[in-house]
Structure formats: C-alpha cells, structure tokens
Amino acid sequence: MDLRGQLGECDDEAYIVASDQQWIDIANAGVHKGTTVARLQQLVGAARHETLVFGDGLNDSG
C-alpha cells in the first residue's frame, strides 16, 4: 500500500516522510529534525560547529 502517496493532499499542513517501508513520520508543516535542532541551538546559544547529531534509522543519514 502506498500510504505516503495517499497522504499527499495533506502536504500543505503536514511534513510527511516515509522513513522506512513500515514507518511514516508526520509532523506539522515546517517542523522536522532540522528545524528542531536549529531551534535548540538558538535556545542554548550553540553554534553549528558546536553541535553533534546522530540517529538510529536510515532516515537519520544525510
């Protein structure tokens, strides 16, 4: 089943990514791991060169 394709009509309202064959991440539009890290950097005053991120899934690479 192509669930991601069926959710395409929600793209204006939601950030939807198929991060694995059995897994879909859904969040508010404009909110994802990158924006969250940037907001955390802003809150704690951390520069990009002072930040390290890692993950445990294929969607965490890049």
Protein backbone atom coordinates (compact mmCIF):
# COMPACT_ATOMS: atom_id res chain seq x y z
CA MET A 1 0.00 0.00 0.00
CA ASP A 2 1.34 3.44 -0.93
CA LEU A 3 0.19 5.25 2.19
CA ARG A 4 2.57 8.17 1.62
CA GLY A 5 1.00 8.77 -1.78
CA GLN A 6 -2.47 8.75 -0.26
CA LEU A 7 -1.42 11.42 2.25
CA GLY A 8 -0.21 13.80 -0.47
CA GLU A 9 -3.26 16.02 -0.08
CA CYS A 10 -2.01 16.92 3.42
CA ASP A 11 1.34 18.35 2.21
CA ASP A 12 0.29 21.96 2.90
CA GLU A 13 -0.49 21.16 6.53
CA ALA A 14 1.92 18.39 7.40
CA TYR A 15 5.52 17.32 6.88
CA ILE A 16 5.24 13.65 5.89
CA VAL A 17 8.18 11.40 5.14
CA ALA A 18 8.30 7.64 4.59
CA SER A 19 11.41 6.89 6.60
CA ASP A 20 11.21 3.11 6.14
CA GLN A 21 8.98 0.58 4.41
CA GLN A 22 6.79 0.26 7.51
CA TRP A 23 7.24 3.74 9.01
CA ILE A 24 5.90 7.21 8.23
CA ASP A 25 6.81 10.33 10.21
CA ILE A 26 4.13 13.03 10.33
CA ALA A 27 4.63 16.47 11.91
CA ASN A 28 3.32 20.00 11.47
CA ALA A 29 4.37 21.61 8.19
CA GLY A 30 7.79 23.25 8.52
CA VAL A 31 8.71 21.18 11.59
CA HIS A 32 11.25 18.37 11.27
CA LYS A 33 14.51 17.22 12.82
CA GLY A 34 16.47 20.02 11.15
CA THR A 35 14.22 22.83 12.36
CA THR A 36 14.14 21.31 15.83
CA VAL A 37 17.95 21.19 16.04
CA ALA A 38 18.17 24.78 14.80
CA ARG A 39 15.68 25.91 17.46
CA LEU A 40 17.59 24.06 20.19
CA GLN A 41 20.84 25.68 19.00
CA GLN A 42 19.15 29.07 19.27
CA LEU A 43 17.78 28.36 22.76
CA VAL A 44 21.13 27.25 24.21
CA GLY A 45 23.33 29.55 22.15
CA ALA A 46 25.17 26.72 20.37
CA ALA A 47 26.83 27.31 17.02
CA ARG A 48 26.74 24.81 14.19
CA HIS A 49 30.35 23.73 14.85
CA GLU A 50 29.39 23.02 18.48
CA THR A 51 26.53 20.68 17.55
CA LEU A 52 26.59 16.93 17.01
CA VAL A 53 23.55 14.92 15.93
CA PHE A 54 23.04 11.22 15.28
CA GLY A 55 20.19 8.80 14.77
CA ASP A 56 19.26 5.16 14.72
CA GLY A 57 17.42 4.81 11.41
CA LEU A 58 18.01 5.10 7.68
CA ASN A 59 16.10 8.41 7.66
CA ASP A 60 18.71 9.87 10.02
CA SER A 61 21.53 9.87 7.48
CA GLY A 62 22.43 12.73 5.27
